[in-house]
Full PDB file with SEQRES, HELIX, SHEET, SSBOND, CRYST1, ORIGX, SCALE, CONECT and MASTER records, all heavy atoms in Angstrom:
SEQRES   1 A   41  LEU VAL GLN PRO GLY GLY THR LEU ARG LEU SER CYS ALA          
SEQRES   2 A   41  ALA SER GLY SER ILE PHE ARG ILE MET GLY TRP TYR ARG          
SEQRES   3 A   41  GLN ALA GLN GLY LYS GLU ARG GLU LEU VAL ALA ARG ILE          
SEQRES   4 A   41  PHE GLY                                                      
SHEET    1 AA1 2 ILE A  21  ARG A  26  0                                        
SHEET    2 AA1 2 GLU A  34  PHE A  40 -1                                        
CRYST1    1.000    1.000    1.000  90.00  90.00  90.00 P 1           1          
ORIGX1      1.000000  0.000000  0.000000        0.00000                         
ORIGX2      0.000000  1.000000  0.000000        0.00000                         
ORIGX3      0.000000  0.000000  1.000000        0.00000                         
SCALE1      1.000000  0.000000  0.000000        0.00000                         
SCALE2      0.000000  1.000000  0.000000        0.00000                         
SCALE3      0.000000  0.000000  1.000000        0.00000                         
ATOM      1  N   LEU A   1     226.296 252.428  38.902  1.00  0.00           N  
ATOM      2  CA  LEU A   1     226.719 251.288  38.120  1.00  0.00           C  
ATOM      3  C   LEU A   1     228.238 251.300  37.952  1.00  0.00           C  
ATOM      4  O   LEU A   1     228.799 252.350  37.590  1.00  0.00           O  
ATOM      5  CB  LEU A   1     226.041 251.316  36.761  1.00  0.00           C  
ATOM      6  CG  LEU A   1     226.484 250.303  35.703  1.00  0.00           C  
ATOM      7  CD1 LEU A   1     226.109 248.886  36.169  1.00  0.00           C  
ATOM      8  CD2 LEU A   1     225.826 250.609  34.373  1.00  0.00           C  
ATOM      9  N   VAL A   2     228.871 250.205  38.226  1.00  0.00           N  
ATOM     10  CA  VAL A   2     230.314 250.117  38.102  1.00  0.00           C  
ATOM     11  C   VAL A   2     230.713 248.749  37.576  1.00  0.00           C  
ATOM     12  O   VAL A   2     229.990 247.752  37.771  1.00  0.00           O  
ATOM     13  CB  VAL A   2     230.968 250.395  39.469  1.00  0.00           C  
ATOM     14  CG1 VAL A   2     230.576 249.320  40.481  1.00  0.00           C  
ATOM     15  CG2 VAL A   2     232.473 250.528  39.384  1.00  0.00           C  
ATOM     16  N   GLN A   3     231.829 248.678  36.887  1.00  0.00           N  
ATOM     17  CA  GLN A   3     232.303 247.412  36.363  1.00  0.00           C  
ATOM     18  C   GLN A   3     233.001 246.612  37.465  1.00  0.00           C  
ATOM     19  O   GLN A   3     233.505 247.184  38.440  1.00  0.00           O  
ATOM     20  CB  GLN A   3     233.278 247.681  35.205  1.00  0.00           C  
ATOM     21  CG  GLN A   3     232.628 248.253  33.971  1.00  0.00           C  
ATOM     22  CD  GLN A   3     233.572 248.378  32.804  1.00  0.00           C  
ATOM     23  OE1 GLN A   3     234.841 248.407  32.983  1.00  0.00           O  
ATOM     24  NE2 GLN A   3     233.072 248.410  31.588  1.00  0.00           N  
ATOM     25  N   PRO A   4     233.086 245.296  37.278  1.00  0.00           N  
ATOM     26  CA  PRO A   4     233.848 244.512  38.271  1.00  0.00           C  
ATOM     27  C   PRO A   4     235.261 244.997  38.410  1.00  0.00           C  
ATOM     28  O   PRO A   4     235.921 245.396  37.425  1.00  0.00           O  
ATOM     29  CB  PRO A   4     233.823 243.108  37.638  1.00  0.00           C  
ATOM     30  CG  PRO A   4     232.577 243.094  36.830  1.00  0.00           C  
ATOM     31  CD  PRO A   4     232.437 244.482  36.247  1.00  0.00           C  
ATOM     32  N   GLY A   5     235.748 245.057  39.621  1.00  0.00           N  
ATOM     33  CA  GLY A   5     237.040 245.594  39.925  1.00  0.00           C  
ATOM     34  C   GLY A   5     237.088 247.088  40.157  1.00  0.00           C  
ATOM     35  O   GLY A   5     238.109 247.675  40.566  1.00  0.00           O  
ATOM     36  N   GLY A   6     235.959 247.729  39.953  1.00  0.00           N  
ATOM     37  CA  GLY A   6     235.846 249.189  40.127  1.00  0.00           C  
ATOM     38  C   GLY A   6     235.643 249.613  41.562  1.00  0.00           C  
ATOM     39  O   GLY A   6     235.622 248.783  42.479  1.00  0.00           O  
ATOM     40  N   THR A   7     235.466 250.923  41.745  1.00  0.00           N  
ATOM     41  CA  THR A   7     235.310 251.488  43.059  1.00  0.00           C  
ATOM     42  C   THR A   7     234.084 252.395  43.122  1.00  0.00           C  
ATOM     43  O   THR A   7     233.695 253.015  42.080  1.00  0.00           O  
ATOM     44  CB  THR A   7     236.566 252.305  43.499  1.00  0.00           C  
ATOM     45  OG1 THR A   7     236.671 253.428  42.634  1.00  0.00           O  
ATOM     46  CG2 THR A   7     237.834 251.480  43.405  1.00  0.00           C  
ATOM     47  N   LEU A   8     233.516 252.476  44.296  1.00  0.00           N  
ATOM     48  CA  LEU A   8     232.457 253.443  44.614  1.00  0.00           C  
ATOM     49  C   LEU A   8     232.608 253.879  46.031  1.00  0.00           C  
ATOM     50  O   LEU A   8     233.169 253.134  46.850  1.00  0.00           O  
ATOM     51  CB  LEU A   8     231.059 252.829  44.424  1.00  0.00           C  
ATOM     52  CG  LEU A   8     230.455 252.697  43.042  1.00  0.00           C  
ATOM     53  CD1 LEU A   8     229.128 251.936  43.145  1.00  0.00           C  
ATOM     54  CD2 LEU A   8     230.264 254.036  42.390  1.00  0.00           C  
ATOM     55  N   ARG A   9     232.141 255.088  46.303  1.00  0.00           N  
ATOM     56  CA  ARG A   9     232.131 255.584  47.683  1.00  0.00           C  
ATOM     57  C   ARG A   9     230.717 256.013  48.020  1.00  0.00           C  
ATOM     58  O   ARG A   9     230.142 256.913  47.385  1.00  0.00           O  
ATOM     59  CB  ARG A   9     233.081 256.755  47.835  1.00  0.00           C  
ATOM     60  CG  ARG A   9     233.258 257.220  49.271  1.00  0.00           C  
ATOM     61  CD  ARG A   9     233.972 258.526  49.351  1.00  0.00           C  
ATOM     62  NE  ARG A   9     234.473 258.853  50.659  1.00  0.00           N  
ATOM     63  CZ  ARG A   9     234.686 260.098  51.071  1.00  0.00           C  
ATOM     64  NH1 ARG A   9     234.414 261.128  50.291  1.00  0.00           N  
ATOM     65  NH2 ARG A   9     235.150 260.322  52.295  1.00  0.00           N  
ATOM     66  N   LEU A  10     230.181 255.387  49.039  1.00  0.00           N  
ATOM     67  CA  LEU A  10     228.850 255.749  49.549  1.00  0.00           C  
ATOM     68  C   LEU A  10     228.996 256.733  50.699  1.00  0.00           C  
ATOM     69  O   LEU A  10     229.914 256.608  51.498  1.00  0.00           O  
ATOM     70  CB  LEU A  10     228.085 254.509  50.021  1.00  0.00           C  
ATOM     71  CG  LEU A  10     227.931 253.383  48.999  1.00  0.00           C  
ATOM     72  CD1 LEU A  10     227.055 252.261  49.615  1.00  0.00           C  
ATOM     73  CD2 LEU A  10     227.320 253.879  47.710  1.00  0.00           C  
ATOM     74  N   SER A  11     228.054 257.629  50.789  1.00  0.00           N  
ATOM     75  CA  SER A  11     227.961 258.575  51.885  1.00  0.00           C  
ATOM     76  C   SER A  11     226.607 258.505  52.548  1.00  0.00           C  
ATOM     77  O   SER A  11     225.607 258.264  51.836  1.00  0.00           O  
ATOM     78  CB  SER A  11     228.240 259.999  51.411  1.00  0.00           C  
ATOM     79  OG  SER A  11     229.519 260.134  50.799  1.00  0.00           O  
ATOM     80  N   CYS A  12     226.563 258.773  53.822  1.00  0.00           N  
ATOM     81  CA  CYS A  12     225.294 258.821  54.528  1.00  0.00           C  
ATOM     82  C   CYS A  12     225.346 260.015  55.497  1.00  0.00           C  
ATOM     83  O   CYS A  12     226.116 259.986  56.443  1.00  0.00           O  
ATOM     84  CB  CYS A  12     225.029 257.552  55.282  1.00  0.00           C  
ATOM     85  SG  CYS A  12     223.586 257.620  56.377  1.00  0.00           S  
ATOM     86  N   ALA A  13     224.514 261.013  55.224  1.00  0.00           N  
ATOM     87  CA  ALA A  13     224.430 262.169  56.073  1.00  0.00           C  
ATOM     88  C   ALA A  13     223.311 261.991  57.063  1.00  0.00           C  
ATOM     89  O   ALA A  13     222.174 261.784  56.666  1.00  0.00           O  
ATOM     90  CB  ALA A  13     224.207 263.412  55.209  1.00  0.00           C  
ATOM     91  N   ALA A  14     223.671 262.049  58.353  1.00  0.00           N  
ATOM     92  CA  ALA A  14     222.677 261.855  59.411  1.00  0.00           C  
ATOM     93  C   ALA A  14     222.304 263.170  60.056  1.00  0.00           C  
ATOM     94  O   ALA A  14     223.146 264.053  60.161  1.00  0.00           O  
ATOM     95  CB  ALA A  14     223.214 260.890  60.427  1.00  0.00           C  
ATOM     96  N   SER A  15     221.053 263.293  60.470  1.00  0.00           N  
ATOM     97  CA  SER A  15     220.617 264.500  61.175  1.00  0.00           C  
ATOM     98  C   SER A  15     219.497 264.152  62.155  1.00  0.00           C  
ATOM     99  O   SER A  15     218.848 263.119  62.014  1.00  0.00           O  
ATOM    100  CB  SER A  15     220.168 265.576  60.165  1.00  0.00           C  
ATOM    101  OG  SER A  15     219.067 265.069  59.409  1.00  0.00           O  
ATOM    102  N   GLY A  16     219.322 264.998  63.139  1.00  0.00           N  
ATOM    103  CA  GLY A  16     218.217 264.866  64.032  1.00  0.00           C  
ATOM    104  C   GLY A  16     218.478 264.021  65.273  1.00  0.00           C  
ATOM    105  O   GLY A  16     217.604 263.946  66.175  1.00  0.00           O  
ATOM    106  N   SER A  17     219.643 263.427  65.389  1.00  0.00           N  
ATOM    107  CA  SER A  17     219.932 262.630  66.574  1.00  0.00           C  
ATOM    108  C   SER A  17     221.439 262.430  66.684  1.00  0.00           C  
ATOM    109  O   SER A  17     222.191 262.788  65.779  1.00  0.00           O  
ATOM    110  CB  SER A  17     219.244 261.299  66.542  1.00  0.00           C  
ATOM    111  OG  SER A  17     219.375 260.599  67.768  1.00  0.00           O  
ATOM    112  N   ILE A  18     221.858 261.854  67.807  1.00  0.00           N  
ATOM    113  CA  ILE A  18     223.216 261.463  67.982  1.00  0.00           C  
ATOM    114  C   ILE A  18     223.277 259.928  67.894  1.00  0.00           C  
ATOM    115  O   ILE A  18     222.526 259.238  68.585  1.00  0.00           O  
ATOM    116  CB  ILE A  18     223.755 261.926  69.358  1.00  0.00           C  
ATOM    117  CG1 ILE A  18     223.719 263.476  69.441  1.00  0.00           C  
ATOM    118  CG2 ILE A  18     225.162 261.409  69.603  1.00  0.00           C  
ATOM    119  CD1 ILE A  18     224.020 264.004  70.823  1.00  0.00           C  
ATOM    120  N   PHE A  19     224.179 259.455  67.065  1.00  0.00           N  
ATOM    121  CA  PHE A  19     224.210 258.023  66.773  1.00  0.00           C  
ATOM    122  C   PHE A  19     225.476 257.403  67.376  1.00  0.00           C  
ATOM    123  O   PHE A  19     226.581 257.802  67.084  1.00  0.00           O  
ATOM    124  CB  PHE A  19     224.188 257.783  65.280  1.00  0.00           C  
ATOM    125  CG  PHE A  19     222.879 258.253  64.613  1.00  0.00           C  
ATOM    126  CD1 PHE A  19     222.818 259.515  64.064  1.00  0.00           C  
ATOM    127  CD2 PHE A  19     221.795 257.412  64.627  1.00  0.00           C  
ATOM    128  CE1 PHE A  19     221.635 259.933  63.518  1.00  0.00           C  
ATOM    129  CE2 PHE A  19     220.628 257.834  64.033  1.00  0.00           C  
ATOM    130  CZ  PHE A  19     220.521 259.086  63.476  1.00  0.00           C  
ATOM    131  N   ARG A  20     225.240 256.390  68.244  1.00  0.00           N  
ATOM    132  CA  ARG A  20     226.350 255.701  68.842  1.00  0.00           C  
ATOM    133  C   ARG A  20     227.041 254.751  67.848  1.00  0.00           C  
ATOM    134  O   ARG A  20     228.247 254.552  67.908  1.00  0.00           O  
ATOM    135  CB  ARG A  20     225.871 254.905  70.053  1.00  0.00           C  
ATOM    136  CG  ARG A  20     225.321 255.736  71.204  1.00  0.00           C  
ATOM    137  CD  ARG A  20     224.701 254.868  72.241  1.00  0.00           C  
ATOM    138  NE  ARG A  20     225.570 253.824  72.723  1.00  0.00           N  
ATOM    139  CZ  ARG A  20     225.339 252.560  72.542  1.00  0.00           C  
ATOM    140  NH1 ARG A  20     224.264 252.147  71.905  1.00  0.00           N  
ATOM    141  NH2 ARG A  20     226.184 251.645  73.002  1.00  0.00           N  
ATOM    142  N   ILE A  21     226.229 254.154  67.005  1.00  0.00           N  
ATOM    143  CA  ILE A  21     226.712 253.225  66.042  1.00  0.00           C  
ATOM    144  C   ILE A  21     226.156 253.639  64.678  1.00  0.00           C  
ATOM    145  O   ILE A  21     224.962 253.965  64.577  1.00  0.00           O  
ATOM    146  CB  ILE A  21     226.283 251.765  66.330  1.00  0.00           C  
ATOM    147  CG1 ILE A  21     226.710 251.362  67.736  1.00  0.00           C  
ATOM    148  CG2 ILE A  21     226.835 250.824  65.306  1.00  0.00           C  
ATOM    149  CD1 ILE A  21     226.066 250.057  68.227  1.00  0.00           C  
ATOM    150  N   MET A  22     227.012 253.597  63.661  1.00  0.00           N  
ATOM    151  CA  MET A  22     226.522 253.804  62.299  1.00  0.00           C  
ATOM    152  C   MET A  22     227.103 252.716  61.422  1.00  0.00           C  
ATOM    153  O   MET A  22     228.150 252.160  61.721  1.00  0.00           O  
ATOM    154  CB  MET A  22     226.879 255.175  61.774  1.00  0.00           C  
ATOM    155  CG  MET A  22     226.206 256.309  62.532  1.00  0.00           C  
ATOM    156  SD  MET A  22     226.369 257.906  61.727  1.00  0.00           S  
ATOM    157  CE  MET A  22     225.196 257.705  60.394  1.00  0.00           C  
ATOM    158  N   GLY A  23     226.405 252.441  60.335  1.00  0.00           N  
ATOM    159  CA  GLY A  23     226.912 251.379  59.473  1.00  0.00           C  
ATOM    160  C   GLY A  23     226.170 251.281  58.182  1.00  0.00           C  
ATOM    161  O   GLY A  23     225.327 252.097  57.838  1.00  0.00           O  
ATOM    162  N   TRP A  24     226.462 250.208  57.499  1.00  0.00           N  
ATOM    163  CA  TRP A  24     225.869 249.894  56.188  1.00  0.00           C  
ATOM    164  C   TRP A  24     225.419 248.426  56.147  1.00  0.00           C  
ATOM    165  O   TRP A  24     226.134 247.544  56.601  1.00  0.00           O  
ATOM    166  CB  TRP A  24     226.875 250.125  55.085  1.00  0.00           C  
ATOM    167  CG  TRP A  24     227.269 251.557  54.907  1.00  0.00           C  
ATOM    168  CD1 TRP A  24     228.301 252.198  55.527  1.00  0.00           C  
ATOM    169  CD2 TRP A  24     226.601 252.553  54.136  1.00  0.00           C  
ATOM    170  NE1 TRP A  24     228.307 253.524  55.174  1.00  0.00           N  
ATOM    171  CE2 TRP A  24     227.309 253.743  54.299  1.00  0.00           C  
ATOM    172  CE3 TRP A  24     225.466 252.541  53.286  1.00  0.00           C  
ATOM    173  CZ2 TRP A  24     226.909 254.927  53.632  1.00  0.00           C  
ATOM    174  CZ3 TRP A  24     225.125 253.700  52.662  1.00  0.00           C  
ATOM    175  CH2 TRP A  24     225.810 254.863  52.832  1.00  0.00           C  
ATOM    176  N   TYR A  25     224.215 248.251  55.688  1.00  0.00           N  
ATOM    177  CA  TYR A  25     223.680 246.930  55.380  1.00  0.00           C  
ATOM    178  C   TYR A  25     223.390 246.901  53.906  1.00  0.00           C  
ATOM    179  O   TYR A  25     223.295 247.919  53.254  1.00  0.00           O  
ATOM    180  CB  TYR A  25     222.401 246.695  56.185  1.00  0.00           C  
ATOM    181  CG  TYR A  25     222.631 246.339  57.633  1.00  0.00           C  
ATOM    182  CD1 TYR A  25     223.101 247.279  58.533  1.00  0.00           C  
ATOM    183  CD2 TYR A  25     222.365 245.053  58.134  1.00  0.00           C  
ATOM    184  CE1 TYR A  25     223.308 246.969  59.875  1.00  0.00           C  
ATOM    185  CE2 TYR A  25     222.570 244.719  59.446  1.00  0.00           C  
ATOM    186  CZ  TYR A  25     223.053 245.670  60.297  1.00  0.00           C  
ATOM    187  OH  TYR A  25     223.242 245.346  61.642  1.00  0.00           O  
ATOM    188  N   ARG A  26     223.179 245.720  53.401  1.00  0.00           N  
ATOM    189  CA  ARG A  26     222.787 245.604  52.002  1.00  0.00           C  
ATOM    190  C   ARG A  26     221.795 244.467  51.818  1.00  0.00           C  
ATOM    191  O   ARG A  26     221.776 243.531  52.610  1.00  0.00           O  
ATOM    192  CB  ARG A  26     223.990 245.340  51.060  1.00  0.00           C  
ATOM    193  CG  ARG A  26     224.705 244.038  51.250  1.00  0.00           C  
ATOM    194  CD  ARG A  26     225.961 244.009  50.439  1.00  0.00           C  
ATOM    195  NE  ARG A  26     226.672 242.715  50.545  1.00  0.00           N  
ATOM    196  CZ  ARG A  26     227.862 242.473  50.041  1.00  0.00           C  
ATOM    197  NH1 ARG A  26     228.510 243.394  49.329  1.00  0.00           N  
ATOM    198  NH2 ARG A  26     228.432 241.311  50.207  1.00  0.00           N  
ATOM    199  N   GLN A  27     221.000 244.553  50.770  1.00  0.00           N  
ATOM    200  CA  GLN A  27     220.034 243.533  50.461  1.00  0.00           C  
ATOM    201  C   GLN A  27     220.000 243.301  48.973  1.00  0.00           C  
ATOM    202  O   GLN A  27     219.655 244.205  48.180  1.00  0.00           O  
ATOM    203  CB  GLN A  27     218.649 243.916  50.947  1.00  0.00           C  
ATOM    204  CG  GLN A  27     217.611 242.832  50.833  1.00  0.00           C  
ATOM    205  CD  GLN A  27     216.328 243.145  51.580  1.00  0.00           C  
ATOM    206  OE1 GLN A  27     216.067 244.251  51.944  1.00  0.00           O  
ATOM    207  NE2 GLN A  27     215.551 242.116  51.841  1.00  0.00           N  
ATOM    208  N   ALA A  28     220.453 242.115  48.567  1.00  0.00           N  
ATOM    209  CA  ALA A  28     220.403 241.744  47.193  1.00  0.00           C  
ATOM    210  C   ALA A  28     219.031 241.161  46.888  1.00  0.00           C  
ATOM    211  O   ALA A  28     218.287 240.706  47.756  1.00  0.00           O  
ATOM    212  CB  ALA A  28     221.460 240.672  46.913  1.00  0.00           C  
ATOM    213  N   GLN A  29     218.686 241.171  45.618  1.00  0.00           N  
ATOM    214  CA  GLN A  29     217.376 240.703  45.224  1.00  0.00           C  
ATOM    215  C   GLN A  29     217.172 239.268  45.621  1.00  0.00           C  
ATOM    216  O   GLN A  29     218.029 238.415  45.373  1.00  0.00           O  
ATOM    217  CB  GLN A  29     217.200 240.861  43.705  1.00  0.00           C  
ATOM    218  CG  GLN A  29     215.798 240.732  43.207  1.00  0.00           C  
ATOM    219  CD  GLN A  29     215.613 241.201  41.811  1.00  0.00           C  
ATOM    220  OE1 GLN A  29     216.603 241.492  41.107  1.00  0.00           O  
ATOM    221  NE2 GLN A  29     214.398 241.235  41.343  1.00  0.00           N  
ATOM    222  N   GLY A  30     216.069 238.990  46.318  1.00  0.00           N  
ATOM    223  CA  GLY A  30     215.780 237.645  46.753  1.00  0.00           C  
ATOM    224  C   GLY A  30     216.473 237.169  47.984  1.00  0.00           C  
ATOM    225  O   GLY A  30     216.341 235.998  48.367  1.00  0.00           O  
ATOM    226  N   LYS A  31     217.254 238.066  48.601  1.00  0.00           N  
ATOM    227  CA  LYS A  31     218.032 237.695  49.805  1.00  0.00           C  
ATOM    228  C   LYS A  31     217.654 238.548  50.977  1.00  0.00           C  
ATOM    229  O   LYS A  31     217.080 239.610  50.810  1.00  0.00           O  
ATOM    230  CB  LYS A  31     219.516 237.776  49.501  1.00  0.00           C  
ATOM    231  CG  LYS A  31     220.009 236.781  48.435  1.00  0.00           C  
ATOM    232  CD  LYS A  31     221.505 236.793  48.339  1.00  0.00           C  
ATOM    233  CE  LYS A  31     221.985 235.776  47.309  1.00  0.00           C  
ATOM    234  NZ  LYS A  31     223.472 235.768  47.215  1.00  0.00           N  
ATOM    235  N   GLU A  32     218.054 238.112  52.157  1.00  0.00           N  
ATOM    236  CA  GLU A  32     217.791 238.891  53.361  1.00  0.00           C  
ATOM    237  C   GLU A  32     218.828 240.048  53.460  1.00  0.00           C  
ATOM    238  O   GLU A  32     219.946 239.963  52.907  1.00  0.00           O  
ATOM    239  CB  GLU A  32     217.886 238.020  54.586  1.00  0.00           C  
ATOM    240  CG  GLU A  32     216.751 236.984  54.638  1.00  0.00           C  
ATOM    241  CD  GLU A  32     216.760 236.218  55.955  1.00  0.00           C  
ATOM    242  OE1 GLU A  32     217.715 236.417  56.743  1.00  0.00           O  
ATOM    243  OE2 GLU A  32     215.838 235.448  56.180  1.00  0.00           O  
ATOM    244  N   ARG A  33     218.447 241.088  54.216  1.00  0.00           N  
ATOM    245  CA  ARG A  33     219.356 242.176  54.472  1.00  0.00           C  
ATOM    246  C   ARG A  33     220.515 241.693  55.343  1.00  0.00           C  
ATOM    247  O   ARG A  33     220.293 240.946  56.286  1.00  0.00           O  
ATOM    248  CB  ARG A  33     218.618 243.324  55.163  1.00  0.00           C  
ATOM    249  CG  ARG A  33     219.404 244.607  55.235  1.00  0.00           C  
ATOM    250  CD  ARG A  33     218.569 245.757  55.786  1.00  0.00           C  
ATOM    251  NE  ARG A  33     217.456 246.071  54.894  1.00  0.00           N  
ATOM    252  CZ  ARG A  33     216.667 247.136  55.060  1.00  0.00           C  
ATOM    253  NH1 ARG A  33     216.937 248.008  56.078  1.00  0.00           N  
ATOM    254  NH2 ARG A  33     215.664 247.378  54.255  1.00  0.00           N  
ATOM    255  N   GLU A  34     221.718 242.088  55.001  1.00  0.00           N  
ATOM    256  CA  GLU A  34     222.885 241.625  55.767  1.00  0.00           C  
ATOM    257  C   GLU A  34     223.798 242.780  56.115  1.00  0.00           C  
ATOM    258  O   GLU A  34     223.865 243.783  55.366  1.00  0.00           O  
ATOM    259  CB  GLU A  34     223.699 240.598  54.932  1.00  0.00           C  
ATOM    260  CG  GLU A  34     224.278 241.142  53.629  1.00  0.00           C  
ATOM    261  CD  GLU A  34     225.144 240.123  52.886  1.00  0.00           C  
ATOM    262  OE1 GLU A  34     225.251 238.992  53.345  1.00  0.00           O  
ATOM    263  OE2 GLU A  34     225.682 240.518  51.822  1.00  0.00           O  
ATOM    264  N   LEU A  35     224.524 242.587  57.198  1.00  0.00           N  
ATOM    265  CA  LEU A  35     225.485 243.597  57.627  1.00  0.00           C  
ATOM    266  C   LEU A  35     226.664 243.656  56.680  1.00  0.00           C  
ATOM    267  O   LEU A  35     227.204 242.605  56.290  1.00  0.00           O  
ATOM    268  CB  LEU A  35     225.987 243.308  59.044  1.00  0.00           C  
ATOM    269  CG  LEU A  35     227.145 244.141  59.539  1.00  0.00           C  
ATOM    270  CD1 LEU A  35     226.695 245.590  59.786  1.00  0.00           C  
ATOM    271  CD2 LEU A  35     227.735 243.547  60.822  1.00  0.00           C  
ATOM    272  N   VAL A  36     227.065 244.873  56.322  1.00  0.00           N  
ATOM    273  CA  VAL A  36     228.288 245.067  55.544  1.00  0.00           C  
ATOM    274  C   VAL A  36     229.429 245.534  56.429  1.00  0.00           C  
ATOM    275  O   VAL A  36     230.497 244.940  56.503  1.00  0.00           O  
ATOM    276  CB  VAL A  36     228.058 246.063  54.390  1.00  0.00           C  
ATOM    277  CG1 VAL A  36     229.364 246.321  53.625  1.00  0.00           C  
ATOM    278  CG2 VAL A  36     226.962 245.591  53.454  1.00  0.00           C  
ATOM    279  N   ALA A  37     229.154 246.616  57.160  1.00  0.00           N  
ATOM    280  CA  ALA A  37     230.194 247.195  58.045  1.00  0.00           C  
ATOM    281  C   ALA A  37     229.513 248.117  59.051  1.00  0.00           C  
ATOM    282  O   ALA A  37     228.483 248.738  58.764  1.00  0.00           O  
ATOM    283  CB  ALA A  37     231.212 247.967  57.209  1.00  0.00           C  
ATOM    284  N   ARG A  38     230.141 248.195  60.240  1.00  0.00           N  
ATOM    285  CA  ARG A  38     229.658 249.116  61.294  1.00  0.00           C  
ATOM    286  C   ARG A  38     230.861 249.829  61.889  1.00  0.00           C  
ATOM    287  O   ARG A  38     231.980 249.319  61.916  1.00  0.00           O  
ATOM    288  CB  ARG A  38     228.931 248.344  62.393  1.00  0.00           C  
ATOM    289  CG  ARG A  38     227.639 247.755  62.030  1.00  0.00           C  
ATOM    290  CD  ARG A  38     226.958 247.079  63.233  1.00  0.00           C  
ATOM    291  NE  ARG A  38     227.774 245.988  63.773  1.00  0.00           N  
ATOM    292  CZ  ARG A  38     227.381 245.223  64.767  1.00  0.00           C  
ATOM    293  NH1 ARG A  38     226.207 245.448  65.329  1.00  0.00           N  
ATOM    294  NH2 ARG A  38     228.127 244.244  65.184  1.00  0.00           N  
ATOM    295  N   ILE A  39     230.594 251.040  62.384  1.00  0.00           N  
ATOM    296  CA  ILE A  39     231.591 251.803  63.112  1.00  0.00           C  
ATOM    297  C   ILE A  39     231.009 252.301  64.369  1.00  0.00           C  
ATOM    298  O   ILE A  39     229.867 252.862  64.385  1.00  0.00           O  
ATOM    299  CB  ILE A  39     232.204 252.929  62.221  1.00  0.00           C  
ATOM    300  CG1 ILE A  39     233.321 253.639  62.933  1.00  0.00           C  
ATOM    301  CG2 ILE A  39     231.103 253.914  61.778  1.00  0.00           C  
ATOM    302  CD1 ILE A  39     234.178 254.522  62.010  1.00  0.00           C  
ATOM    303  N   PHE A  40     231.735 252.144  65.472  1.00  0.00           N  
ATOM    304  CA  PHE A  40     231.242 252.487  66.800  1.00  0.00           C  
ATOM    305  C   PHE A  40     231.761 253.880  67.183  1.00  0.00           C  
ATOM    306  O   PHE A  40     232.692 254.391  66.579  1.00  0.00           O  
ATOM    307  CB  PHE A  40     231.635 251.396  67.784  1.00  0.00           C  
ATOM    308  CG  PHE A  40     231.059 250.068  67.464  1.00  0.00           C  
ATOM    309  CD1 PHE A  40     231.636 249.227  66.542  1.00  0.00           C  
ATOM    310  CD2 PHE A  40     229.874 249.655  68.072  1.00  0.00           C  
ATOM    311  CE1 PHE A  40     231.066 247.996  66.253  1.00  0.00           C  
ATOM    312  CE2 PHE A  40     229.309 248.424  67.781  1.00  0.00           C  
ATOM    313  CZ  PHE A  40     229.906 247.588  66.865  1.00  0.00           C  
ATOM    314  N   GLY A  41     231.206 254.376  68.270  1.00  0.00           N  
ATOM    315  CA  GLY A  41     231.566 255.744  68.666  1.00  0.00           C  
ATOM    316  C   GLY A  41     233.016 255.992  68.872  1.00  0.00           C  
ATOM    317  O   GLY A  41     233.550 257.047  68.540  1.00  0.00           O  
TER     318      GLY A  41                                                      
MASTER        0    0    0    0    2    0    0    6  317    1    0    4          
END                                                                             
């Protein structure tokens, strides 16, 4: 939980494979999942 104007840092630790592309999607209540950001190899 953060106030408007605030900051957060998300982390994702991956294991078990090699990933060519990694990224973040988000899904707000009542909405479809959408791309936030991706990073390529």
